[in-house]
Amino acid sequence: MLEAQTDDNLLLSAKEQRLVAIASSTAKGDLSKLETELNSGLETGLTVNQIKEAIVHIYAYAGFPRSISGLQTFMSVLDKRKANGIHDHLGEDASPINDDRHKYERGKAVLETLTGNAETGPKTGYAAFAPMIEVFLKEHLFADIFERDVLSHAERELVTVSVLSSIGGVEPMLESHLKICMHVGYSAEQLKQFITLIEKTAGKQEAEDAKKVLDKVLGIK
């Protein structure tokens, strides 16, 4: 499993950079660019299961159509590589979940780990307006998905901010997840590098919009 770098003097690893590019290309629906990035990711050392996990994770933020199109593109890439005599490393599958707690409680615990904040007090905002979506978030996103250990929490957050930056128009959620990125170990310098990767993959406007949100998180005026 990959781990986030924590030294402010270090930049994102080659594998982390490829995760950003794969997630961004999938979210944008740029399948030609995605094909290139998938090959680069495999050559960099990402396993087949790590890439599959990242693309599946994306559906929670960009929808099933983008995620399924990404998986279909990945299938094609793997078939071509196999035909050319390239045998890619499958990697580990997700470990069984041995936790008897209700999924809501498990998801709540994962979210508290990600944010560093206790989930207490009455629900407000959208969670109070539509309580069921808050249940779905806890039970499905943060339990069913985030508990799977093929990718670490840090890697999942990197994939998440890549998707949110690429689809645009979700700045409040992007801000929340950039804060989580810092809490789980990514440095300011790594997140600044992340913005440059988004510009290369998603576009200049998407990068500029994401930079404004990151500057707010970092307290840069």
Protein backbone atom coordinates (compact mmCIF):
# COMPACT_ATOMS: atom_id res chain seq x y z
CA MET A 1 0.00 0.00 0.00
CA LEU A 2 1.23 3.50 -0.80
CA GLU A 3 1.71 6.02 1.98
CA ALA A 4 1.55 9.81 1.91
CA GLN A 5 4.87 11.62 2.27
CA THR A 6 5.08 13.79 5.41
CA ASP A 7 8.32 15.74 4.94
CA ASP A 8 7.55 19.26 3.67
CA ASN A 9 10.68 19.09 1.52
CA LEU A 10 9.41 16.08 -0.39
CA LEU A 11 7.04 16.12 -3.31
CA LEU A 12 4.42 13.59 -4.30
CA SER A 13 5.88 10.24 -5.25
CA ALA A 14 5.75 9.05 -8.85
CA LYS A 15 2.92 6.66 -7.96
CA GLU A 16 0.94 9.39 -6.21
CA GLN A 17 1.35 11.63 -9.25
CA ARG A 18 -0.04 8.90 -11.47
CA LEU A 19 -3.01 8.43 -9.14
CA VAL A 20 -3.79 12.14 -9.54
CA ALA A 21 -3.56 11.91 -13.33
CA ILE A 22 -5.65 8.73 -13.54
CA ALA A 23 -8.35 10.12 -11.25
CA SER A 24 -8.48 13.47 -13.03
CA SER A 25 -8.66 11.93 -16.52
CA THR A 26 -11.40 9.54 -15.42
CA ALA A 27 -13.44 12.33 -13.83
CA LYS A 28 -13.13 14.49 -16.96
CA GLY A 29 -14.10 11.60 -19.20
CA ASP A 30 -10.95 12.09 -21.30
CA LEU A 31 -10.48 8.43 -22.16
CA SER A 32 -7.63 9.00 -24.61
CA LYS A 33 -5.60 10.77 -21.93
CA LEU A 34 -6.70 8.19 -19.39
CA GLU A 35 -5.30 5.38 -21.56
CA THR A 36 -1.91 7.12 -21.55
CA GLU A 37 -2.03 7.69 -17.80
CA LEU A 38 -3.04 4.09 -17.09
CA ASN A 39 -0.03 2.81 -18.99
CA SER A 40 2.19 5.28 -17.14
CA GLY A 41 0.71 4.21 -13.80
CA LEU A 42 1.41 0.55 -14.47
CA GLU A 43 4.94 1.33 -15.63
CA THR A 44 5.48 3.39 -12.47
CA GLY A 45 4.58 0.39 -10.33
CA LEU A 46 0.93 0.81 -9.41
CA THR A 47 -0.73 -2.60 -9.23
CA VAL A 48 -3.78 -3.54 -11.25
CA ASN A 49 -5.86 -3.70 -8.07
CA GLN A 50 -4.69 -0.28 -6.85
CA ILE A 51 -5.72 1.32 -10.13
CA LYS A 52 -9.05 -0.54 -10.18
CA GLU A 53 -9.68 0.59 -6.62
CA ALA A 54 -8.95 4.21 -7.50
CA ILE A 55 -11.32 4.15 -10.48
CA VAL A 56 -14.07 2.48 -8.45
CA HIS A 57 -13.60 5.07 -5.69
CA ILE A 58 -14.29 7.82 -8.23
CA TYR A 59 -17.94 6.82 -8.70
CA ALA A 60 -18.75 8.20 -5.24
CA TYR A 61 -17.79 11.68 -6.47
CA ALA A 62 -18.24 11.70 -10.26
CA GLY A 63 -20.90 9.03 -10.76
CA PHE A 64 -21.09 5.50 -12.15
CA PRO A 65 -20.86 6.53 -15.85
CA ARG A 66 -17.39 8.06 -15.45
CA SER A 67 -16.18 5.24 -13.23
CA ILE A 68 -17.47 2.46 -15.47
CA SER A 69 -16.03 4.15 -18.58
CA GLY A 70 -12.71 4.33 -16.75
CA LEU A 71 -12.84 0.64 -15.88
CA GLN A 72 -13.69 -0.29 -19.46
CA THR A 73 -10.73 1.77 -20.67
CA PHE A 74 -8.51 0.01 -18.13
CA MET A 75 -9.70 -3.38 -19.34
CA SER A 76 -8.72 -2.42 -22.88
CA VAL A 77 -5.30 -1.20 -21.74
CA LEU A 78 -4.62 -4.45 -19.89
CA ASP A 79 -5.71 -6.53 -22.89
CA LYS A 80 -3.34 -4.63 -25.19
CA ARG A 81 -0.46 -4.96 -22.75
CA LYS A 82 -1.10 -8.68 -22.34
CA ALA A 83 -1.17 -9.09 -26.13
CA ASN A 84 2.24 -7.40 -26.22
CA GLY A 85 3.64 -9.84 -23.67
CA ILE A 86 3.42 -7.51 -20.67
CA HIS A 87 2.26 -9.17 -17.48
CA ASP A 88 1.21 -6.58 -14.93
CA HIS A 89 1.26 -7.22 -11.19
CA LEU A 90 -2.28 -7.80 -9.89
CA GLY A 91 -1.48 -6.79 -6.31
CA GLU A 92 -3.37 -7.45 -3.11
CA ASP A 93 -7.14 -7.48 -2.85
CA ALA A 94 -9.05 -5.83 0.00
CA SER A 95 -8.80 -7.53 3.37
CA PRO A 96 -11.98 -8.87 5.00
CA ILE A 97 -13.66 -6.46 7.43
CA ASN A 98 -13.68 -8.02 10.87
CA ASP A 99 -15.74 -5.45 12.75
CA ASP A 100 -19.09 -6.28 14.32
CA ARG A 101 -20.15 -2.66 14.74
CA HIS A 102 -23.01 -1.29 12.64
CA LYS A 103 -21.76 0.20 9.38
CA TYR A 104 -22.91 3.65 10.45
CA GLU A 105 -20.66 3.53 13.51
CA ARG A 106 -17.75 2.21 11.48
CA GLY A 107 -18.17 4.96 8.92
CA LYS A 108 -18.47 7.56 11.64
CA ALA A 109 -15.18 6.34 13.14
CA VAL A 110 -13.44 6.52 9.75
CA LEU A 111 -14.67 10.08 9.19
CA GLU A 112 -13.44 11.10 12.64
CA THR A 113 -10.03 9.64 11.79
CA LEU A 114 -9.93 11.54 8.51
CA THR A 115 -10.93 14.92 9.91
CA GLY A 116 -9.62 14.69 13.44
CA ASN A 117 -12.99 15.97 14.66
CA ALA A 118 -15.53 14.12 16.79
CA GLU A 119 -18.89 13.51 15.11
CA THR A 120 -21.08 14.78 17.96
CA GLY A 121 -23.99 17.13 18.38
CA PRO A 122 -27.19 17.59 16.37
CA LYS A 123 -27.12 17.35 12.59
CA THR A 124 -27.16 20.61 10.67
CA GLY A 125 -27.31 21.76 7.05
CA TYR A 126 -27.93 19.08 4.41
CA ALA A 127 -27.62 16.32 7.03
CA ALA A 128 -30.58 17.76 8.93
CA PHE A 129 -32.52 18.60 5.76
CA ALA A 130 -32.11 15.11 4.24
CA PRO A 131 -30.97 12.74 7.02
CA MET A 132 -30.82 9.71 4.72
CA ILE A 133 -27.92 11.11 2.69
CA GLU A 134 -25.93 11.48 5.90
CA VAL A 135 -26.63 7.81 6.63
CA PHE A 136 -25.55 6.83 3.12
CA LEU A 137 -22.33 8.82 3.51
CA LYS A 138 -21.43 7.13 6.79
CA GLU A 139 -22.48 3.60 5.86
CA HIS A 140 -21.45 3.45 2.23
CA LEU A 141 -18.77 6.05 1.48
CA PHE A 142 -16.84 5.96 4.73
CA ALA A 143 -17.53 2.32 5.68
CA ASP A 144 -17.99 0.30 2.49
CA ILE A 145 -15.46 2.28 0.44
CA PHE A 146 -12.93 3.98 2.72
CA GLU A 147 -12.49 0.85 4.85
CA ARG A 148 -11.11 -1.10 1.89
CA ASP A 149 -7.35 -1.24 2.40
CA VAL A 150 -6.15 -1.63 -1.19
CA LEU A 151 -5.59 2.13 -0.97
CA SER A 152 -4.78 4.01 2.22
CA HIS A 153 -6.98 6.81 3.53
CA ALA A 154 -4.37 9.30 2.29
CA GLU A 155 -4.41 7.85 -1.21
CA ARG A 156 -8.20 7.89 -1.30
CA GLU A 157 -8.18 11.55 -0.32
CA LEU A 158 -5.67 12.31 -3.08
CA VAL A 159 -7.98 10.60 -5.57
CA THR A 160 -10.95 12.50 -4.12
CA VAL A 161 -9.43 15.98 -4.44
CA SER A 162 -8.27 15.08 -7.96
CA VAL A 163 -11.87 14.30 -8.94
CA LEU A 164 -13.37 17.34 -7.19
CA SER A 165 -10.83 19.69 -8.78
CA SER A 166 -11.48 18.22 -12.22
CA ILE A 167 -15.29 18.33 -12.22
CA GLY A 168 -15.41 21.85 -10.73
CA GLY A 169 -18.28 23.68 -9.05
CA VAL A 170 -17.85 21.85 -5.74
CA GLU A 171 -15.45 24.22 -3.98
CA PRO A 172 -16.85 23.78 -0.42
CA MET A 173 -16.38 20.00 -0.65
CA LEU A 174 -12.93 20.46 -2.20
CA GLU A 175 -11.95 22.72 0.68
CA SER A 176 -13.04 20.10 3.20
CA HIS A 177 -11.08 17.35 1.50
CA LEU A 178 -7.94 19.47 1.06
CA LYS A 179 -8.04 20.02 4.82
CA ILE A 180 -8.33 16.27 5.27
CA CYS A 181 -5.35 15.79 2.94
CA MET A 182 -3.25 17.89 5.27
CA HIS A 183 -4.57 16.06 8.33
CA VAL A 184 -3.65 12.65 6.88
CA GLY A 185 -0.10 13.69 6.04
CA TYR A 186 0.19 15.67 2.80
CA SER A 187 2.29 18.81 3.05
CA ALA A 188 1.56 22.26 1.67
CA GLU A 189 4.28 21.77 -0.94
CA GLN A 190 2.82 18.47 -2.05
CA LEU A 191 -0.61 20.03 -2.45
CA LYS A 192 0.87 22.91 -4.44
CA GLN A 193 2.44 20.30 -6.71
CA PHE A 194 -0.97 18.65 -6.91
CA ILE A 195 -2.34 21.86 -8.45
CA THR A 196 0.30 21.76 -11.21
CA LEU A 197 -0.71 18.17 -11.98
CA ILE A 198 -4.37 19.18 -12.23
CA GLU A 199 -3.45 21.88 -14.73
CA LYS A 200 -1.69 19.29 -16.91
CA THR A 201 -4.52 16.78 -16.72
CA ALA A 202 -7.77 18.71 -16.25
CA GLY A 203 -6.94 22.18 -17.56
CA LYS A 204 -5.81 25.68 -16.62
CA GLN A 205 -9.19 26.92 -15.38
CA GLU A 206 -9.69 23.87 -13.17
CA ALA A 207 -6.22 24.37 -11.70
CA GLU A 208 -6.81 28.07 -11.08
CA ASP A 209 -10.09 27.35 -9.31
CA ALA A 210 -8.48 24.62 -7.20
CA LYS A 211 -5.57 26.91 -6.34
CA LYS A 212 -7.97 29.50 -4.94
CA VAL A 213 -9.44 26.88 -2.64
CA LEU A 214 -5.98 25.60 -1.61
CA ASP A 215 -4.79 29.16 -0.92
CA LYS A 216 -7.77 29.59 1.40
CA VAL A 217 -6.92 26.35 3.21
CA LEU A 218 -3.27 27.42 3.56
CA GLY A 219 -4.21 30.94 4.64
CA ILE A 220 -2.58 32.54 1.59
CA LYS A 221 -4.10 35.86 0.48
